[in-house]
Amino acid sequence: MKKILILLLSISLFGTAQAQFGIRAGLSSANFSDTNFNAKLGFHAGGYYQFDAGFLSIEPGLQYAQKGYEGNEAATGAVISEQLSYLDVPVLFRLNFLPFLNVFAGPQASVLLSRNYELAGNVNNSTDVVRGYDLGGVVGIGVGFPLGLNAQLSYDLGLTGLNYFDTDVKNRVLKISIGYDF
């Protein structure tokens, strides 16, 4: 009986759900945890597919995201710029409090696509010094506007150590985005 009730609830929930595809892009401010580096500005862009069932929405997505840090070498004071490019795959659960306001959270898996490390004009693109994936979470708040436009503020919290030059640091990224629902 319990299984039948769960099945009926699932059918009614997804039977009334509306699905929509959208795109999102914005600015990122990224850094590593537990360091004295400076945040690095970057961008992110991608798409999502939202299953909207009223109060709860589920939103898997796929996006390109720049992460990393900026700093200075201790010995010389030379500027260091580390840019890591990832393919992020978040699965967000949105609670829609009002027709225009929601909060969200969910897991995110990321795959390292490339690395660009610059120190005093020297460039290194080897990805051997950093783990090739990142597992984490995303939390944030979103606002819906007329004509399918939306905006959101989110925070990506890396949960796995990146083993960056054998140091246990994690990605931390603040994102501000605008989007459009088709």
N, C-alpha and C. Protein backbone atom coordinates (compact mmCIF):
# COMPACT_ATOMS: atom_id res chain seq x y z
N MET A 1 0.82 -1.19 0.00
CA MET A 1 0.00 0.00 0.00
C MET A 1 0.87 1.26 0.00
N LYS A 2 1.95 1.21 0.78
CA LYS A 2 2.85 2.37 0.86
C LYS A 2 3.46 2.67 -0.51
N LYS A 3 3.85 1.62 -1.25
CA LYS A 3 4.44 1.81 -2.57
C LYS A 3 3.43 2.40 -3.54
N ILE A 4 2.19 1.98 -3.43
CA ILE A 4 1.15 2.51 -4.32
C ILE A 4 0.93 4.00 -4.05
N LEU A 5 0.92 4.39 -2.76
CA LEU A 5 0.74 5.81 -2.43
C LEU A 5 1.91 6.65 -2.94
N ILE A 6 3.11 6.15 -2.81
CA ILE A 6 4.29 6.87 -3.32
C ILE A 6 4.21 6.99 -4.85
N LEU A 7 3.81 5.94 -5.52
CA LEU A 7 3.66 5.97 -6.97
C LEU A 7 2.61 6.99 -7.40
N LEU A 8 1.46 6.98 -6.73
CA LEU A 8 0.40 7.94 -7.07
C LEU A 8 0.84 9.38 -6.80
N LEU A 9 1.54 9.60 -5.70
CA LEU A 9 2.05 10.93 -5.40
C LEU A 9 3.06 11.38 -6.45
N SER A 10 3.93 10.48 -6.85
CA SER A 10 4.93 10.81 -7.88
C SER A 10 4.27 11.14 -9.21
N ILE A 11 3.28 10.34 -9.59
CA ILE A 11 2.58 10.60 -10.86
C ILE A 11 1.85 11.93 -10.81
N SER A 12 1.20 12.22 -9.69
CA SER A 12 0.48 13.49 -9.60
C SER A 12 1.44 14.68 -9.56
N LEU A 13 2.57 14.51 -8.90
CA LEU A 13 3.55 15.60 -8.82
C LEU A 13 4.13 15.90 -10.19
N PHE A 14 4.60 14.88 -10.89
CA PHE A 14 5.22 15.11 -12.19
C PHE A 14 4.18 15.24 -13.30
N GLY A 15 2.96 14.79 -13.08
CA GLY A 15 1.89 14.99 -14.04
C GLY A 15 1.48 16.45 -14.12
N THR A 16 1.58 17.17 -13.02
CA THR A 16 1.23 18.59 -13.02
C THR A 16 2.45 19.46 -13.23
N ALA A 17 3.61 18.86 -13.32
CA ALA A 17 4.84 19.64 -13.47
C ALA A 17 4.92 20.26 -14.85
N GLN A 18 5.48 21.43 -14.88
CA GLN A 18 5.77 22.10 -16.13
C GLN A 18 7.28 22.12 -16.28
N ALA A 19 7.75 21.84 -17.45
CA ALA A 19 9.19 21.82 -17.67
C ALA A 19 9.57 22.92 -18.65
N GLN A 20 10.73 23.50 -18.41
CA GLN A 20 11.19 24.54 -19.32
C GLN A 20 12.71 24.55 -19.39
N PHE A 21 13.20 24.85 -20.55
CA PHE A 21 14.63 24.96 -20.79
C PHE A 21 15.02 26.43 -20.64
N GLY A 22 16.24 26.67 -20.15
CA GLY A 22 16.72 28.03 -20.01
C GLY A 22 18.22 28.12 -20.15
N ILE A 23 18.69 29.35 -20.29
CA ILE A 23 20.11 29.63 -20.34
C ILE A 23 20.45 30.62 -19.24
N ARG A 24 21.69 30.57 -18.77
CA ARG A 24 22.11 31.44 -17.67
C ARG A 24 23.59 31.78 -17.86
N ALA A 25 23.95 33.02 -17.52
CA ALA A 25 25.35 33.45 -17.59
C ALA A 25 25.57 34.55 -16.55
N GLY A 26 26.83 34.74 -16.17
CA GLY A 26 27.11 35.79 -15.22
C GLY A 26 28.57 35.85 -14.81
N LEU A 27 28.81 36.66 -13.78
CA LEU A 27 30.15 36.86 -13.25
C LEU A 27 30.40 35.97 -12.04
N SER A 28 31.66 35.58 -11.87
CA SER A 28 32.06 34.74 -10.75
C SER A 28 33.22 35.40 -10.00
N SER A 29 33.23 35.21 -8.70
CA SER A 29 34.36 35.61 -7.87
C SER A 29 34.82 34.35 -7.14
N ALA A 30 35.97 33.80 -7.57
CA ALA A 30 36.41 32.50 -7.07
C ALA A 30 37.68 32.63 -6.25
N ASN A 31 37.84 31.68 -5.33
CA ASN A 31 39.05 31.61 -4.52
C ASN A 31 39.16 30.20 -3.97
N PHE A 32 40.28 29.90 -3.32
CA PHE A 32 40.47 28.63 -2.63
C PHE A 32 40.22 28.83 -1.15
N SER A 33 39.73 27.81 -0.49
CA SER A 33 39.50 27.85 0.95
C SER A 33 40.82 27.84 1.70
N ASP A 34 40.80 28.37 2.91
CA ASP A 34 41.94 28.30 3.84
C ASP A 34 43.24 28.82 3.24
N THR A 35 43.16 29.90 2.45
CA THR A 35 44.35 30.52 1.88
C THR A 35 44.25 32.03 2.08
N ASN A 36 45.36 32.71 1.83
CA ASN A 36 45.32 34.17 1.87
C ASN A 36 45.42 34.76 0.47
N PHE A 37 44.97 34.00 -0.54
CA PHE A 37 44.95 34.48 -1.92
C PHE A 37 43.82 35.48 -2.10
N ASN A 38 43.85 36.19 -3.20
CA ASN A 38 42.78 37.11 -3.57
C ASN A 38 41.81 36.41 -4.52
N ALA A 39 40.56 36.83 -4.50
CA ALA A 39 39.56 36.25 -5.39
C ALA A 39 39.87 36.62 -6.83
N LYS A 40 39.52 35.71 -7.72
CA LYS A 40 39.72 35.92 -9.16
C LYS A 40 38.37 36.07 -9.82
N LEU A 41 38.21 37.12 -10.63
CA LEU A 41 36.98 37.31 -11.37
C LEU A 41 36.98 36.43 -12.61
N GLY A 42 35.82 35.90 -12.93
CA GLY A 42 35.66 35.06 -14.10
C GLY A 42 34.22 35.11 -14.55
N PHE A 43 33.84 34.18 -15.40
CA PHE A 43 32.45 34.12 -15.84
C PHE A 43 32.00 32.67 -15.86
N HIS A 44 30.69 32.51 -15.98
CA HIS A 44 30.09 31.18 -16.13
C HIS A 44 28.92 31.31 -17.09
N ALA A 45 28.63 30.25 -17.81
CA ALA A 45 27.52 30.25 -18.77
C ALA A 45 27.10 28.82 -19.02
N GLY A 46 25.80 28.64 -19.22
CA GLY A 46 25.31 27.30 -19.51
C GLY A 46 23.80 27.25 -19.63
N GLY A 47 23.30 26.05 -19.59
CA GLY A 47 21.87 25.83 -19.73
C GLY A 47 21.34 24.97 -18.60
N TYR A 48 20.02 24.97 -18.47
CA TYR A 48 19.35 24.18 -17.45
C TYR A 48 17.99 23.73 -17.95
N TYR A 49 17.44 22.75 -17.29
CA TYR A 49 16.11 22.25 -17.60
C TYR A 49 15.37 22.15 -16.28
N GLN A 50 14.33 22.93 -16.12
CA GLN A 50 13.63 23.02 -14.84
C GLN A 50 12.29 22.30 -14.89
N PHE A 51 12.11 21.37 -13.93
CA PHE A 51 10.84 20.70 -13.74
C PHE A 51 10.13 21.42 -12.61
N ASP A 52 9.10 22.17 -12.94
CA ASP A 52 8.42 23.01 -11.96
C ASP A 52 7.12 22.33 -11.52
N ALA A 53 7.02 22.06 -10.23
CA ALA A 53 5.82 21.43 -9.68
C ALA A 53 5.21 22.31 -8.59
N GLY A 54 5.15 23.61 -8.85
CA GLY A 54 4.56 24.52 -7.88
C GLY A 54 5.57 24.98 -6.85
N PHE A 55 5.41 24.47 -5.64
CA PHE A 55 6.27 24.90 -4.54
C PHE A 55 7.71 24.39 -4.68
N LEU A 56 7.89 23.24 -5.33
CA LEU A 56 9.21 22.64 -5.49
C LEU A 56 9.56 22.52 -6.96
N SER A 57 10.78 22.90 -7.30
CA SER A 57 11.29 22.73 -8.67
C SER A 57 12.61 21.97 -8.60
N ILE A 58 12.85 21.15 -9.59
CA ILE A 58 14.11 20.44 -9.71
C ILE A 58 14.77 20.91 -10.99
N GLU A 59 16.05 21.29 -10.89
CA GLU A 59 16.72 21.93 -12.02
C GLU A 59 18.11 21.34 -12.25
N PRO A 60 18.24 20.34 -13.11
CA PRO A 60 19.58 19.90 -13.52
C PRO A 60 20.13 20.90 -14.54
N GLY A 61 21.45 21.05 -14.54
CA GLY A 61 22.05 21.99 -15.46
C GLY A 61 23.43 21.56 -15.91
N LEU A 62 23.97 22.32 -16.83
CA LEU A 62 25.30 22.08 -17.36
C LEU A 62 25.88 23.46 -17.69
N GLN A 63 27.06 23.77 -17.12
CA GLN A 63 27.63 25.08 -17.40
C GLN A 63 29.15 25.06 -17.36
N TYR A 64 29.73 25.97 -18.13
CA TYR A 64 31.15 26.23 -18.12
C TYR A 64 31.40 27.26 -17.03
N ALA A 65 32.43 27.04 -16.19
CA ALA A 65 32.71 27.97 -15.09
C ALA A 65 34.21 28.17 -14.92
N GLN A 66 34.60 29.43 -14.75
CA GLN A 66 35.99 29.76 -14.45
C GLN A 66 36.16 29.91 -12.94
N LYS A 67 37.19 29.28 -12.41
CA LYS A 67 37.50 29.34 -10.99
C LYS A 67 38.99 29.59 -10.85
N GLY A 68 39.49 29.74 -9.62
CA GLY A 68 40.91 29.95 -9.42
C GLY A 68 41.17 30.99 -8.35
N TYR A 69 42.28 31.72 -8.49
CA TYR A 69 42.68 32.73 -7.51
C TYR A 69 43.72 33.65 -8.12
N GLU A 70 44.02 34.73 -7.42
CA GLU A 70 45.15 35.61 -7.74
C GLU A 70 45.92 35.85 -6.45
N GLY A 71 47.20 36.11 -6.57
CA GLY A 71 48.03 36.35 -5.39
C GLY A 71 49.39 36.86 -5.78
N ASN A 72 50.28 36.87 -4.81
CA ASN A 72 51.65 37.29 -5.04
C ASN A 72 52.60 36.24 -4.51
N GLU A 73 53.67 35.99 -5.25
CA GLU A 73 54.69 35.05 -4.80
C GLU A 73 55.40 35.66 -3.60
N ALA A 74 55.59 34.88 -2.57
CA ALA A 74 56.16 35.38 -1.32
C ALA A 74 57.58 35.91 -1.49
N ALA A 75 58.40 35.22 -2.26
CA ALA A 75 59.81 35.60 -2.38
C ALA A 75 60.03 36.87 -3.20
N THR A 76 59.30 36.99 -4.34
CA THR A 76 59.56 38.11 -5.25
C THR A 76 58.45 39.15 -5.30
N GLY A 77 57.27 38.78 -4.85
CA GLY A 77 56.12 39.68 -4.95
C GLY A 77 55.48 39.67 -6.32
N ALA A 78 55.95 38.80 -7.23
CA ALA A 78 55.40 38.71 -8.58
C ALA A 78 53.94 38.23 -8.52
N VAL A 79 53.14 38.72 -9.44
CA VAL A 79 51.71 38.39 -9.48
C VAL A 79 51.52 36.96 -9.99
N ILE A 80 50.69 36.22 -9.28
CA ILE A 80 50.30 34.86 -9.67
C ILE A 80 48.83 34.92 -10.08
N SER A 81 48.50 34.31 -11.22
CA SER A 81 47.12 34.20 -11.67
C SER A 81 46.85 32.75 -12.03
N GLU A 82 45.92 32.14 -11.34
CA GLU A 82 45.57 30.74 -11.58
C GLU A 82 44.12 30.68 -12.03
N GLN A 83 43.90 30.22 -13.26
CA GLN A 83 42.53 30.06 -13.76
C GLN A 83 42.27 28.61 -14.06
N LEU A 84 41.26 28.06 -13.41
CA LEU A 84 40.84 26.69 -13.64
C LEU A 84 39.48 26.74 -14.34
N SER A 85 39.34 26.04 -15.43
CA SER A 85 38.08 25.99 -16.17
C SER A 85 37.42 24.65 -15.92
N TYR A 86 36.13 24.70 -15.53
CA TYR A 86 35.40 23.49 -15.18
C TYR A 86 34.12 23.36 -16.00
N LEU A 87 33.66 22.13 -16.13
CA LEU A 87 32.31 21.85 -16.60
C LEU A 87 31.53 21.45 -15.35
N ASP A 88 30.61 22.30 -14.92
CA ASP A 88 29.81 22.07 -13.72
C ASP A 88 28.50 21.40 -14.09
N VAL A 89 28.08 20.43 -13.26
CA VAL A 89 26.80 19.76 -13.43
C VAL A 89 26.04 19.84 -12.11
N PRO A 90 25.29 20.94 -11.90
CA PRO A 90 24.51 21.06 -10.66
C PRO A 90 23.13 20.42 -10.82
N VAL A 91 22.57 19.95 -9.71
CA VAL A 91 21.18 19.51 -9.64
C VAL A 91 20.56 20.29 -8.47
N LEU A 92 19.80 21.33 -8.81
CA LEU A 92 19.28 22.24 -7.80
C LEU A 92 17.84 21.90 -7.45
N PHE A 93 17.52 22.05 -6.18
CA PHE A 93 16.16 21.90 -5.68
C PHE A 93 15.70 23.27 -5.23
N ARG A 94 14.70 23.83 -5.91
CA ARG A 94 14.22 25.18 -5.63
C ARG A 94 12.91 25.14 -4.85
N LEU A 95 12.86 25.94 -3.79
CA LEU A 95 11.62 26.15 -3.06
C LEU A 95 11.08 27.51 -3.48
N ASN A 96 9.92 27.50 -4.12
CA ASN A 96 9.31 28.71 -4.67
C ASN A 96 8.35 29.30 -3.65
N PHE A 97 8.83 30.31 -2.91
CA PHE A 97 8.01 30.92 -1.86
C PHE A 97 6.92 31.81 -2.42
N LEU A 98 7.25 32.58 -3.40
CA LEU A 98 6.32 33.46 -4.09
C LEU A 98 6.50 33.21 -5.58
N PRO A 99 5.59 33.67 -6.41
CA PRO A 99 5.77 33.44 -7.84
C PRO A 99 7.09 34.00 -8.39
N PHE A 100 7.69 34.95 -7.70
CA PHE A 100 8.91 35.57 -8.21
C PHE A 100 10.14 35.31 -7.34
N LEU A 101 10.02 34.64 -6.19
CA LEU A 101 11.14 34.46 -5.27
C LEU A 101 11.34 32.99 -4.92
N ASN A 102 12.61 32.53 -4.98
CA ASN A 102 12.91 31.15 -4.61
C ASN A 102 14.27 31.07 -3.95
N VAL A 103 14.46 30.04 -3.15
CA VAL A 103 15.77 29.69 -2.61
C VAL A 103 16.09 28.30 -3.13
N PHE A 104 17.39 28.00 -3.26
CA PHE A 104 17.74 26.71 -3.82
C PHE A 104 19.02 26.18 -3.21
N ALA A 105 19.17 24.87 -3.34
CA ALA A 105 20.37 24.17 -2.88
C ALA A 105 20.44 22.85 -3.62
N GLY A 106 21.64 22.30 -3.70
CA GLY A 106 21.78 21.00 -4.33
C GLY A 106 23.23 20.63 -4.55
N PRO A 107 23.46 19.40 -4.95
CA PRO A 107 24.82 18.92 -5.20
C PRO A 107 25.33 19.40 -6.56
N GLN A 108 26.65 19.39 -6.69
CA GLN A 108 27.26 19.76 -7.97
C GLN A 108 28.52 18.93 -8.19
N ALA A 109 28.63 18.36 -9.36
CA ALA A 109 29.84 17.66 -9.77
C ALA A 109 30.52 18.51 -10.83
N SER A 110 31.84 18.60 -10.77
CA SER A 110 32.59 19.42 -11.71
C SER A 110 33.77 18.63 -12.26
N VAL A 111 34.04 18.82 -13.54
CA VAL A 111 35.18 18.18 -14.20
C VAL A 111 36.12 19.28 -14.69
N LEU A 112 37.39 19.15 -14.35
CA LEU A 112 38.40 20.13 -14.77
C LEU A 112 38.63 20.00 -16.28
N LEU A 113 38.48 21.12 -16.99
CA LEU A 113 38.69 21.14 -18.43
C LEU A 113 40.09 21.64 -18.79
N SER A 114 40.53 22.70 -18.10
CA SER A 114 41.84 23.26 -18.41
C SER A 114 42.36 24.07 -17.25
N ARG A 115 43.65 24.40 -17.33
CA ARG A 115 44.31 25.18 -16.28
C ARG A 115 45.25 26.17 -16.96
N ASN A 116 45.28 27.40 -16.44
CA ASN A 116 46.20 28.42 -16.94
C ASN A 116 46.83 29.13 -15.75
N TYR A 117 48.09 28.81 -15.47
CA TYR A 117 48.82 29.38 -14.34
C TYR A 117 49.86 30.35 -14.90
N GLU A 118 49.81 31.61 -14.45
CA GLU A 118 50.76 32.61 -14.91
C GLU A 118 51.52 33.18 -13.72
N LEU A 119 52.85 33.23 -13.84
CA LEU A 119 53.73 33.82 -12.82
C LEU A 119 54.83 34.58 -13.54
N ALA A 120 54.83 35.88 -13.39
CA ALA A 120 55.86 36.74 -13.97
C ALA A 120 56.07 36.49 -15.47
N GLY A 121 54.99 36.34 -16.20
CA GLY A 121 55.07 36.14 -17.65
C GLY A 121 55.24 34.70 -18.08
N ASN A 122 55.51 33.79 -17.16
CA ASN A 122 55.63 32.37 -17.49
C ASN A 122 54.26 31.71 -17.34
N VAL A 123 53.91 30.87 -18.30
CA VAL A 123 52.61 30.22 -18.33
C VAL A 123 52.79 28.71 -18.23
N ASN A 124 51.94 28.08 -17.40
CA ASN A 124 51.94 26.63 -17.27
C ASN A 124 50.50 26.16 -17.40
N ASN A 125 50.25 25.21 -18.31
CA ASN A 125 48.91 24.70 -18.55
C ASN A 125 48.71 23.26 -18.08
N SER A 126 49.66 22.71 -17.37
CA SER A 126 49.57 21.33 -16.91
C SER A 126 48.49 21.19 -15.84
N THR A 127 47.66 20.18 -15.99
CA THR A 127 46.61 19.91 -15.00
C THR A 127 47.05 18.87 -13.98
N ASP A 128 48.29 18.44 -14.01
CA ASP A 128 48.78 17.40 -13.10
C ASP A 128 48.83 17.84 -11.65
N VAL A 129 48.84 19.13 -11.38
CA VAL A 129 49.01 19.62 -10.00
C VAL A 129 47.69 19.82 -9.28
N VAL A 130 46.57 19.49 -9.93
CA VAL A 130 45.26 19.67 -9.32
C VAL A 130 44.37 18.48 -9.68
N ARG A 131 43.52 18.10 -8.74
CA ARG A 131 42.60 16.99 -8.97
C ARG A 131 41.71 17.31 -10.17
N GLY A 132 41.38 16.34 -10.95
CA GLY A 132 40.61 16.52 -12.19
C GLY A 132 39.11 16.63 -12.01
N TYR A 133 38.64 16.58 -10.78
CA TYR A 133 37.20 16.72 -10.52
C TYR A 133 36.99 17.42 -9.19
N ASP A 134 35.79 17.88 -9.00
CA ASP A 134 35.41 18.53 -7.75
C ASP A 134 33.96 18.16 -7.45
N LEU A 135 33.68 17.77 -6.23
CA LEU A 135 32.31 17.51 -5.79
C LEU A 135 31.97 18.55 -4.74
N GLY A 136 30.78 19.10 -4.84
CA GLY A 136 30.42 20.17 -3.92
C GLY A 136 28.93 20.39 -3.85
N GLY A 137 28.58 21.56 -3.35
CA GLY A 137 27.19 21.95 -3.22
C GLY A 137 27.00 23.38 -3.66
N VAL A 138 25.76 23.72 -3.92
CA VAL A 138 25.39 25.06 -4.35
C VAL A 138 24.21 25.51 -3.50
N VAL A 139 24.25 26.75 -3.02
CA VAL A 139 23.11 27.36 -2.32
C VAL A 139 22.90 28.74 -2.91
N GLY A 140 21.66 29.24 -2.84
CA GLY A 140 21.44 30.57 -3.38
C GLY A 140 19.99 31.02 -3.31
N ILE A 141 19.77 32.19 -3.90
CA ILE A 141 18.44 32.79 -3.96
C ILE A 141 18.21 33.28 -5.39
N GLY A 142 16.98 33.12 -5.86
CA GLY A 142 16.65 33.52 -7.23
C GLY A 142 15.42 34.39 -7.27
N VAL A 143 15.35 35.21 -8.31
CA VAL A 143 14.21 36.10 -8.52
C VAL A 143 13.76 35.94 -9.97
N GLY A 144 12.45 35.78 -10.16
CA GLY A 144 11.89 35.69 -11.50
C GLY A 144 11.28 37.02 -11.91
N PHE A 145 11.47 37.38 -13.16
CA PHE A 145 10.93 38.62 -13.72
C PHE A 145 9.99 38.28 -14.86
N PRO A 146 9.21 39.24 -15.32
CA PRO A 146 8.34 38.99 -16.47
C PRO A 146 9.14 38.64 -17.73
N LEU A 147 8.46 38.04 -18.67
CA LEU A 147 9.01 37.68 -19.98
C LEU A 147 10.09 36.61 -19.91
N GLY A 148 10.11 35.81 -18.85
CA GLY A 148 11.05 34.70 -18.74
C GLY A 148 12.43 35.05 -18.22
N LEU A 149 12.64 36.29 -17.84
CA LEU A 149 13.95 36.67 -17.30
C LEU A 149 14.06 36.29 -15.84
N ASN A 150 15.27 35.97 -15.39
CA ASN A 150 15.50 35.66 -13.98
C ASN A 150 16.91 36.08 -13.59
N ALA A 151 17.12 36.21 -12.31
CA ALA A 151 18.44 36.53 -11.77
C ALA A 151 18.66 35.70 -10.52
N GLN A 152 19.90 35.41 -10.23
CA GLN A 152 20.19 34.66 -9.02
C GLN A 152 21.57 34.98 -8.48
N LEU A 153 21.68 34.79 -7.18
CA LEU A 153 22.95 34.92 -6.45
C LEU A 153 23.20 33.56 -5.82
N SER A 154 24.35 32.97 -6.10
CA SER A 154 24.63 31.63 -5.58
C SER A 154 26.05 31.53 -5.07
N TYR A 155 26.27 30.50 -4.25
CA TYR A 155 27.58 30.24 -3.68
C TYR A 155 27.90 28.76 -3.89
N ASP A 156 29.00 28.48 -4.59
CA ASP A 156 29.46 27.11 -4.81
C ASP A 156 30.47 26.78 -3.73
N LEU A 157 30.25 25.67 -3.09
CA LEU A 157 31.07 25.25 -1.97
C LEU A 157 31.69 23.90 -2.31
N GLY A 158 32.97 23.90 -2.70
CA GLY A 158 33.65 22.64 -2.99
C GLY A 158 33.82 21.82 -1.73
N LEU A 159 33.54 20.55 -1.82
CA LEU A 159 33.63 19.67 -0.64
C LEU A 159 34.79 18.69 -0.71
N THR A 160 35.38 18.52 -1.89
CA THR A 160 36.53 17.63 -2.02
C THR A 160 37.81 18.46 -2.13
N GLY A 161 38.84 17.97 -1.51
CA GLY A 161 40.14 18.64 -1.60
C GLY A 161 40.68 18.55 -3.03
N LEU A 162 41.23 19.65 -3.52
CA LEU A 162 41.74 19.67 -4.89
C LEU A 162 43.15 19.12 -5.00
N ASN A 163 43.81 18.86 -3.86
CA ASN A 163 45.18 18.37 -3.85
C ASN A 163 46.07 19.26 -4.72
N TYR A 164 45.86 20.57 -4.60
CA TYR A 164 46.56 21.58 -5.39
C TYR A 164 48.00 21.70 -4.88
N PHE A 165 48.96 21.26 -5.69
CA PHE A 165 50.36 21.20 -5.28
C PHE A 165 50.47 20.52 -3.91
N ASP A 166 49.76 19.41 -3.75
CA ASP A 166 49.72 18.61 -2.52
C ASP A 166 49.19 19.38 -1.31
N THR A 167 48.36 20.37 -1.55
CA THR A 167 47.72 21.14 -0.48
C THR A 167 46.21 20.90 -0.53
N ASP A 168 45.61 20.74 0.62
CA ASP A 168 44.17 20.45 0.68
C ASP A 168 43.37 21.75 0.69
N VAL A 169 43.08 22.27 -0.51
CA VAL A 169 42.24 23.46 -0.66
C VAL A 169 40.97 23.06 -1.40
N LYS A 170 39.94 23.88 -1.27
CA LYS A 170 38.66 23.62 -1.91
C LYS A 170 38.20 24.87 -2.65
N ASN A 171 37.44 24.67 -3.73
CA ASN A 171 36.91 25.79 -4.48
C ASN A 171 35.81 26.49 -3.69
N ARG A 172 35.80 27.82 -3.76
CA ARG A 172 34.75 28.66 -3.21
C ARG A 172 34.42 29.70 -4.28
N VAL A 173 33.16 29.75 -4.71
CA VAL A 173 32.80 30.64 -5.81
C VAL A 173 31.48 31.34 -5.51
N LEU A 174 31.50 32.66 -5.59
CA LEU A 174 30.29 33.49 -5.50
C LEU A 174 29.90 33.86 -6.92
N LYS A 175 28.63 33.60 -7.28
CA LYS A 175 28.18 33.85 -8.66
C LYS A 175 26.95 34.76 -8.66
N ILE A 176 26.92 35.68 -9.59
CA ILE A 176 25.72 36.46 -9.87
C ILE A 176 25.38 36.22 -11.33
N SER A 177 24.12 35.87 -11.59
CA SER A 177 23.74 35.40 -12.92
C SER A 177 22.43 36.03 -13.38
N ILE A 178 22.31 36.11 -14.69
CA ILE A 178 21.01 36.43 -15.30
C ILE A 178 20.67 35.27 -16.21
N GLY A 179 19.38 35.02 -16.35
CA GLY A 179 18.95 33.89 -17.17
C GLY A 179 17.69 34.20 -17.95
N TYR A 180 17.38 33.28 -18.84
CA TYR A 180 16.17 33.41 -19.66
C TYR A 180 15.55 32.03 -19.82
N ASP A 181 14.26 31.93 -19.51
CA ASP A 181 13.49 30.69 -19.68
C ASP A 181 12.78 30.74 -21.04
N PHE A 182 12.97 29.69 -21.84
CA PHE A 182 12.30 29.61 -23.14
C PHE A 182 10.89 29.09 -22.98
